[in-house]
C-alpha cells in the first residue's frame, strides 16, 4: 500500500498474508476458477488487515492485529 501525501512522509509499513481453502462450486467450470476465487478472497482479507493497521496508525494508535 502506498500513501501519497504532499506534506511529508508516512512512516508505516505492514505485510499480511492469508490462506483460504475452498471447494469447487457447482457453477465453476474448472479448478482454475476455484483457485482464482480462493486467491481473490485471500488477497481481500490480507488487504483489509493492512488497511486496518494504516487506519489505526493514522488515528495515533498502534496497528491492531487479528
Protein backbone atom coordinates (compact mmCIF):
# COMPACT_ATOMS: atom_id res chain seq x y z
CA UNK A 1 0.00 0.00 0.00
CA UNK A 2 1.39 3.39 -0.94
CA UNK A 3 0.20 6.60 0.67
CA UNK A 4 0.73 9.73 -1.41
CA UNK A 5 0.99 12.72 0.87
CA UNK A 6 2.18 16.09 -0.33
CA UNK A 7 3.28 17.39 3.05
CA UNK A 8 5.58 14.67 4.30
CA UNK A 9 6.30 11.01 4.71
CA UNK A 10 4.05 8.46 6.37
CA UNK A 11 6.44 6.09 8.20
CA UNK A 12 4.26 3.00 8.14
CA UNK A 13 4.96 -0.44 6.72
CA UNK A 14 2.95 -3.64 7.02
CA UNK A 15 2.75 -7.05 5.46
CA UNK A 16 -0.04 -9.58 5.58
CA UNK A 17 -0.77 -12.93 4.03
CA UNK A 18 -3.74 -15.23 4.29
CA UNK A 19 -4.60 -18.80 3.39
CA UNK A 20 -8.04 -19.58 2.08
CA UNK A 21 -9.27 -23.10 1.39
CA UNK A 22 -12.33 -23.80 -0.72
CA UNK A 23 -14.09 -26.47 -2.72
CA UNK A 24 -15.08 -26.17 -6.34
CA UNK A 25 -18.56 -24.66 -6.58
CA UNK A 26 -21.16 -26.22 -8.84
CA UNK A 27 -21.25 -23.25 -11.21
CA UNK A 28 -17.47 -23.19 -11.74
CA UNK A 29 -16.27 -24.85 -14.91
CA UNK A 30 -12.71 -25.63 -13.83
CA UNK A 31 -10.34 -25.93 -10.91
CA UNK A 32 -8.68 -22.73 -12.20
CA UNK A 33 -11.88 -20.80 -11.42
CA UNK A 34 -11.94 -22.18 -7.87
CA UNK A 35 -8.28 -21.36 -7.45
CA UNK A 36 -8.78 -17.80 -8.67
CA UNK A 37 -11.74 -17.31 -6.32
CA UNK A 38 -9.67 -18.53 -3.35
CA UNK A 39 -6.78 -16.26 -4.37
CA UNK A 40 -9.07 -13.24 -4.60
CA UNK A 41 -10.60 -13.95 -1.18
CA UNK A 42 -7.19 -14.36 0.48
CA UNK A 43 -5.96 -11.12 -1.13
CA UNK A 44 -9.06 -9.25 0.01
CA UNK A 45 -8.64 -10.50 3.59
CA UNK A 46 -4.95 -9.53 3.69
CA UNK A 47 -5.60 -6.06 2.25
CA UNK A 48 -8.33 -5.44 4.81
CA UNK A 49 -5.90 -6.35 7.59
CA UNK A 50 -3.29 -3.91 6.27
CA UNK A 51 -5.93 -1.19 5.84
CA UNK A 52 -7.00 -1.59 9.48
CA UNK A 53 -3.35 -1.15 10.50
CA UNK A 54 -2.99 2.01 8.41
CA UNK A 55 -6.17 3.47 9.89
CA UNK A 56 -5.02 2.69 13.42
CA UNK A 57 -1.64 4.28 12.69
CA UNK A 58 -3.21 7.43 11.26
CA UNK A 59 -5.54 7.66 14.28
CA UNK A 60 -2.47 7.69 16.53
CA UNK A 61 -2.85 4.17 17.86
CA UNK A 62 -0.84 1.07 17.28
CA UNK A 63 -1.86 -1.28 14.46
CA UNK A 64 -4.27 -3.93 15.70
CA UNK A 65 -3.69 -7.49 14.53
CA UNK A 66 -6.18 -10.32 14.36
